[in-house]
Amino acid sequence: MYSDDDFLLLSGIQHFAFCRRQWALVHIEQQWEENLLTFGGRDLHERVDDPFSALETED
């Protein structure tokens, strides 16, 4: 009945609430450049549910 394109992304709603210009750049203009901080966040999100991933912690 609905395709994936019919739904809003939760990240898009967050971007829109924070900054409409940021939302437009990311979700309409498709302008996104990964940096060290976004890479680290994406890496953590990918490994969070992996029971075999060893996350580094500070002692």
PDB file of N, CA and C in Angstrom:
ATOM      1  N   MET A   1       0.813  -1.185   0.000  1.00  0.00           N
ATOM      2  CA  MET A   1       0.000   0.000   0.000  1.00  0.00           C
ATOM      3  C   MET A   1       0.866   1.263   0.000  1.00  0.00           C
ATOM      4  N   TYR A   2       1.912   1.289   0.828  1.00  0.00           N
ATOM      5  CA  TYR A   2       2.828   2.432   0.881  1.00  0.00           C
ATOM      6  C   TYR A   2       4.230   1.966   0.512  1.00  0.00           C
ATOM      7  N   SER A   3       4.975   2.843  -0.135  1.00  0.00           N
ATOM      8  CA  SER A   3       6.383   2.542  -0.418  1.00  0.00           C
ATOM      9  C   SER A   3       7.243   3.260   0.621  1.00  0.00           C
ATOM     10  N   ASP A   4       8.499   2.895   0.681  1.00  0.00           N
ATOM     11  CA  ASP A   4       9.415   3.545   1.632  1.00  0.00           C
ATOM     12  C   ASP A   4       9.497   5.051   1.403  1.00  0.00           C
ATOM     13  N   ASP A   5       9.315   5.486   0.155  1.00  0.00           N
ATOM     14  CA  ASP A   5       9.392   6.915  -0.153  1.00  0.00           C
ATOM     15  C   ASP A   5       8.206   7.707   0.390  1.00  0.00           C
ATOM     16  N   ASP A   6       7.149   7.019   0.815  1.00  0.00           N
ATOM     17  CA  ASP A   6       5.977   7.689   1.367  1.00  0.00           C
ATOM     18  C   ASP A   6       6.140   8.058   2.839  1.00  0.00           C
ATOM     19  N   PHE A   7       7.195   7.571   3.473  1.00  0.00           N
ATOM     20  CA  PHE A   7       7.400   7.797   4.904  1.00  0.00           C
ATOM     21  C   PHE A   7       8.504   8.822   5.133  1.00  0.00           C
ATOM     22  N   LEU A   8       8.413   9.537   6.251  1.00  0.00           N
ATOM     23  CA  LEU A   8       9.457  10.483   6.641  1.00  0.00           C
ATOM     24  C   LEU A   8      10.508   9.760   7.470  1.00  0.00           C
ATOM     25  N   LEU A   9      11.765  10.112   7.249  1.00  0.00           N
ATOM     26  CA  LEU A   9      12.842   9.571   8.065  1.00  0.00           C
ATOM     27  C   LEU A   9      12.863  10.288   9.409  1.00  0.00           C
ATOM     28  N   LEU A  10      13.079   9.526  10.471  1.00  0.00           N
ATOM     29  CA  LEU A  10      13.173  10.134  11.794  1.00  0.00           C
ATOM     30  C   LEU A  10      14.319  11.142  11.832  1.00  0.00           C
ATOM     31  N   SER A  11      15.431  10.817  11.183  1.00  0.00           N
ATOM     32  CA  SER A  11      16.557  11.759  11.143  1.00  0.00           C
ATOM     33  C   SER A  11      16.163  13.046  10.424  1.00  0.00           C
ATOM     34  N   GLY A  12      15.297  12.937   9.418  1.00  0.00           N
ATOM     35  CA  GLY A  12      14.836  14.128   8.713  1.00  0.00           C
ATOM     36  C   GLY A  12      13.985  15.016   9.593  1.00  0.00           C
ATOM     37  N   ILE A  13      13.131  14.402  10.410  1.00  0.00           N
ATOM     38  CA  ILE A  13      12.306  15.180  11.337  1.00  0.00           C
ATOM     39  C   ILE A  13      13.201  15.896  12.346  1.00  0.00           C
ATOM     40  N   GLN A  14      14.222  15.198  12.835  1.00  0.00           N
ATOM     41  CA  GLN A  14      15.161  15.812  13.791  1.00  0.00           C
ATOM     42  C   GLN A  14      15.913  16.959  13.134  1.00  0.00           C
ATOM     43  N   HIS A  15      16.385  16.758  11.905  1.00  0.00           N
ATOM     44  CA  HIS A  15      17.092  17.830  11.198  1.00  0.00           C
ATOM     45  C   HIS A  15      16.176  19.036  10.991  1.00  0.00           C
ATOM     46  N   PHE A  16      14.925  18.781  10.593  1.00  0.00           N
ATOM     47  CA  PHE A  16      13.972  19.866  10.348  1.00  0.00           C
ATOM     48  C   PHE A  16      13.700  20.654  11.625  1.00  0.00           C
ATOM     49  N   ALA A  17      13.537  19.949  12.746  1.00  0.00           N
ATOM     50  CA  ALA A  17      13.273  20.624  14.023  1.00  0.00           C
ATOM     51  C   ALA A  17      14.474  21.451  14.467  1.00  0.00           C
ATOM     52  N   PHE A  18      15.679  20.964  14.183  1.00  0.00           N
ATOM     53  CA  PHE A  18      16.894  21.661  14.603  1.00  0.00           C
ATOM     54  C   PHE A  18      17.191  22.844  13.692  1.00  0.00           C
ATOM     55  N   CYS A  19      17.143  22.594  12.374  1.00  0.00           N
ATOM     56  CA  CYS A  19      17.520  23.645  11.428  1.00  0.00           C
ATOM     57  C   CYS A  19      16.949  23.291  10.057  1.00  0.00           C
ATOM     58  N   ARG A  20      16.009  24.106   9.585  1.00  0.00           N
ATOM     59  CA  ARG A  20      15.379  23.814   8.296  1.00  0.00           C
ATOM     60  C   ARG A  20      16.371  23.872   7.146  1.00  0.00           C
ATOM     61  N   ARG A  21      17.371  24.731   7.247  1.00  0.00           N
ATOM     62  CA  ARG A  21      18.387  24.807   6.192  1.00  0.00           C
ATOM     63  C   ARG A  21      19.199  23.518   6.156  1.00  0.00           C
ATOM     64  N   GLN A  22      19.600  23.021   7.330  1.00  0.00           N
ATOM     65  CA  GLN A  22      20.338  21.756   7.397  1.00  0.00           C
ATOM     66  C   GLN A  22      19.493  20.625   6.809  1.00  0.00           C
ATOM     67  N   TRP A  23      18.203  20.594   7.162  1.00  0.00           N
ATOM     68  CA  TRP A  23      17.307  19.571   6.634  1.00  0.00           C
ATOM     69  C   TRP A  23      17.274  19.612   5.105  1.00  0.00           C
ATOM     70  N   ALA A  24      17.122  20.807   4.545  1.00  0.00           N
ATOM     71  CA  ALA A  24      17.054  20.940   3.091  1.00  0.00           C
ATOM     72  C   ALA A  24      18.354  20.499   2.432  1.00  0.00           C
ATOM     73  N   LEU A  25      19.480  20.883   3.007  1.00  0.00           N
ATOM     74  CA  LEU A  25      20.761  20.485   2.426  1.00  0.00           C
ATOM     75  C   LEU A  25      20.943  18.963   2.435  1.00  0.00           C
ATOM     76  N   VAL A  26      20.571  18.323   3.535  1.00  0.00           N
ATOM     77  CA  VAL A  26      20.782  16.887   3.666  1.00  0.00           C
ATOM     78  C   VAL A  26      19.726  16.094   2.908  1.00  0.00           C
ATOM     79  N   HIS A  27      18.456  16.453   3.066  1.00  0.00           N
ATOM     80  CA  HIS A  27      17.374  15.605   2.573  1.00  0.00           C
ATOM     81  C   HIS A  27      16.819  16.008   1.214  1.00  0.00           C
ATOM     82  N   ILE A  28      17.023  17.240   0.782  1.00  0.00           N
ATOM     83  CA  ILE A  28      16.558  17.652  -0.543  1.00  0.00           C
ATOM     84  C   ILE A  28      17.730  17.767  -1.509  1.00  0.00           C
ATOM     85  N   GLU A  29      18.752  18.514  -1.110  1.00  0.00           N
ATOM     86  CA  GLU A  29      19.907  18.730  -1.983  1.00  0.00           C
ATOM     87  C   GLU A  29      20.879  17.550  -1.990  1.00  0.00           C
ATOM     88  N   GLN A  30      20.713  16.630  -1.026  1.00  0.00           N
ATOM     89  CA  GLN A  30      21.586  15.454  -0.912  1.00  0.00           C
ATOM     90  C   GLN A  30      23.059  15.849  -0.755  1.00  0.00           C
ATOM     91  N   GLN A  31      23.297  16.930  -0.009  1.00  0.00           N
ATOM     92  CA  GLN A  31      24.659  17.388   0.240  1.00  0.00           C
ATOM     93  C   GLN A  31      25.067  16.948   1.635  1.00  0.00           C
ATOM     94  N   TRP A  32      25.875  15.924   1.705  1.00  0.00           N
ATOM     95  CA  TRP A  32      26.340  15.392   2.977  1.00  0.00           C
ATOM     96  C   TRP A  32      27.793  14.992   2.810  1.00  0.00           C
ATOM     97  N   GLU A  33      28.620  15.440   3.697  1.00  0.00           N
ATOM     98  CA  GLU A  33      30.026  15.062   3.666  1.00  0.00           C
ATOM     99  C   GLU A  33      30.381  14.528   5.044  1.00  0.00           C
ATOM    100  N   GLU A  34      30.819  13.286   5.071  1.00  0.00           N
ATOM    101  CA  GLU A  34      31.164  12.678   6.354  1.00  0.00           C
ATOM    102  C   GLU A  34      32.477  13.273   6.867  1.00  0.00           C
ATOM    103  N   ASN A  35      32.536  13.453   8.194  1.00  0.00           N
ATOM    104  CA  ASN A  35      33.761  13.918   8.822  1.00  0.00           C
ATOM    105  C   ASN A  35      34.128  12.947   9.941  1.00  0.00           C
ATOM    106  N   LEU A  36      35.134  13.245  10.690  1.00  0.00           N
ATOM    107  CA  LEU A  36      35.605  12.347  11.738  1.00  0.00           C
ATOM    108  C   LEU A  36      34.526  12.068  12.782  1.00  0.00           C
ATOM    109  N   LEU A  37      33.771  13.089  13.164  1.00  0.00           N
ATOM    110  CA  LEU A  37      32.732  12.903  14.169  1.00  0.00           C
ATOM    111  C   LEU A  37      31.575  12.051  13.648  1.00  0.00           C
ATOM    112  N   THR A  38      31.123  12.313  12.422  1.00  0.00           N
ATOM    113  CA  THR A  38      30.014  11.527  11.890  1.00  0.00           C
ATOM    114  C   THR A  38      30.455  10.098  11.601  1.00  0.00           C
ATOM    115  N   PHE A  39      31.702   9.916  11.186  1.00  0.00           N
ATOM    116  CA  PHE A  39      32.223   8.561  10.971  1.00  0.00           C
ATOM    117  C   PHE A  39      32.226   7.783  12.291  1.00  0.00           C
ATOM    118  N   GLY A  40      32.693   8.424  13.353  1.00  0.00           N
ATOM    119  CA  GLY A  40      32.725   7.764  14.661  1.00  0.00           C
ATOM    120  C   GLY A  40      31.335   7.392  15.140  1.00  0.00           C
ATOM    121  N   GLY A  41      30.371   8.278  14.946  1.00  0.00           N
ATOM    122  CA  GLY A  41      28.997   7.985  15.343  1.00  0.00           C
ATOM    123  C   GLY A  41      28.397   6.851  14.536  1.00  0.00           C
ATOM    124  N   ARG A  42      28.636   6.859  13.230  1.00  0.00           N
ATOM    125  CA  ARG A  42      28.122   5.792  12.372  1.00  0.00           C
ATOM    126  C   ARG A  42      28.749   4.463  12.747  1.00  0.00           C
ATOM    127  N   ASP A  43      30.039   4.474  13.036  1.00  0.00           N
ATOM    128  CA  ASP A  43      30.748   3.253  13.426  1.00  0.00           C
ATOM    129  C   ASP A  43      30.171   2.688  14.732  1.00  0.00           C
ATOM    130  N   LEU A  44      29.936   3.554  15.718  1.00  0.00           N
ATOM    131  CA  LEU A  44      29.343   3.098  16.980  1.00  0.00           C
ATOM    132  C   LEU A  44      27.945   2.521  16.775  1.00  0.00           C
ATOM    133  N   HIS A  45      27.152   3.171  15.944  1.00  0.00           N
ATOM    134  CA  HIS A  45      25.794   2.679  15.680  1.00  0.00           C
ATOM    135  C   HIS A  45      25.823   1.318  15.005  1.00  0.00           C
ATOM    136  N   GLU A  46      26.787   1.102  14.122  1.00  0.00           N
ATOM    137  CA  GLU A  46      26.876  -0.182  13.430  1.00  0.00           C
ATOM    138  C   GLU A  46      27.319  -1.300  14.371  1.00  0.00           C
ATOM    139  N   ARG A  47      28.113  -0.962  15.386  1.00  0.00           N
ATOM    140  CA  ARG A  47      28.661  -1.993  16.270  1.00  0.00           C
ATOM    141  C   ARG A  47      27.887  -2.187  17.568  1.00  0.00           C
ATOM    142  N   VAL A  48      26.912  -1.329  17.850  1.00  0.00           N
ATOM    143  CA  VAL A  48      26.267  -1.348  19.162  1.00  0.00           C
ATOM    144  C   VAL A  48      25.568  -2.672  19.459  1.00  0.00           C
ATOM    145  N   ASP A  49      24.986  -3.314  18.467  1.00  0.00           N
ATOM    146  CA  ASP A  49      24.268  -4.559  18.697  1.00  0.00           C
ATOM    147  C   ASP A  49      25.094  -5.803  18.373  1.00  0.00           C
ATOM    148  N   ASP A  50      26.367  -5.623  18.073  1.00  0.00           N
ATOM    149  CA  ASP A  50      27.235  -6.750  17.745  1.00  0.00           C
ATOM    150  C   ASP A  50      27.887  -7.272  19.026  1.00  0.00           C
ATOM    151  N   PRO A  51      27.486  -8.445  19.507  1.00  0.00           N
ATOM    152  CA  PRO A  51      28.039  -8.959  20.768  1.00  0.00           C
ATOM    153  C   PRO A  51      29.511  -9.331  20.670  1.00  0.00           C
ATOM    154  N   PHE A  52      30.028  -9.433  19.448  1.00  0.00           N
ATOM    155  CA  PHE A  52      31.432  -9.819  19.264  1.00  0.00           C
ATOM    156  C   PHE A  52      32.342  -8.620  19.035  1.00  0.00           C
ATOM    157  N   SER A  53      31.773  -7.426  19.038  1.00  0.00           N
ATOM    158  CA  SER A  53      32.557  -6.213  18.840  1.00  0.00           C
ATOM    159  C   SER A  53      33.143  -5.771  20.178  1.00  0.00           C
ATOM    160  N   ALA A  54      34.424  -5.490  20.182  1.00  0.00           N
ATOM    161  CA  ALA A  54      35.088  -5.022  21.408  1.00  0.00           C
ATOM    162  C   ALA A  54      35.156  -3.500  21.338  1.00  0.00           C
ATOM    163  N   LEU A  55      34.296  -2.843  22.101  1.00  0.00           N
ATOM    164  CA  LEU A  55      34.319  -1.389  22.163  1.00  0.00           C
ATOM    165  C   LEU A  55      35.403  -0.957  23.132  1.00  0.00           C
ATOM    166  N   GLU A  56      36.169   0.042  22.730  1.00  0.00           N
ATOM    167  CA  GLU A  56      37.237   0.544  23.601  1.00  0.00           C
ATOM    168  C   GLU A  56      36.624   1.414  24.682  1.00  0.00           C
ATOM    169  N   THR A  57      37.095   1.241  25.907  1.00  0.00           N
ATOM    170  CA  THR A  57      36.651   2.078  27.018  1.00  0.00           C
ATOM    171  C   THR A  57      37.871   2.639  27.717  1.00  0.00           C
ATOM    172  N   GLU A  58      37.674   3.782  28.360  1.00  0.00           N
ATOM    173  CA  GLU A  58      38.756   4.379  29.133  1.00  0.00           C
ATOM    174  C   GLU A  58      38.787   3.759  30.511  1.00  0.00           C
ATOM    175  N   ASP A  59      39.985   3.529  31.037  1.00  0.00           N
ATOM    176  CA  ASP A  59      40.139   2.945  32.374  1.00  0.00           C
ATOM    177  C   ASP A  59      40.143   4.006  33.437  1.00  0.00           C
TER     178      ASP A  59
END
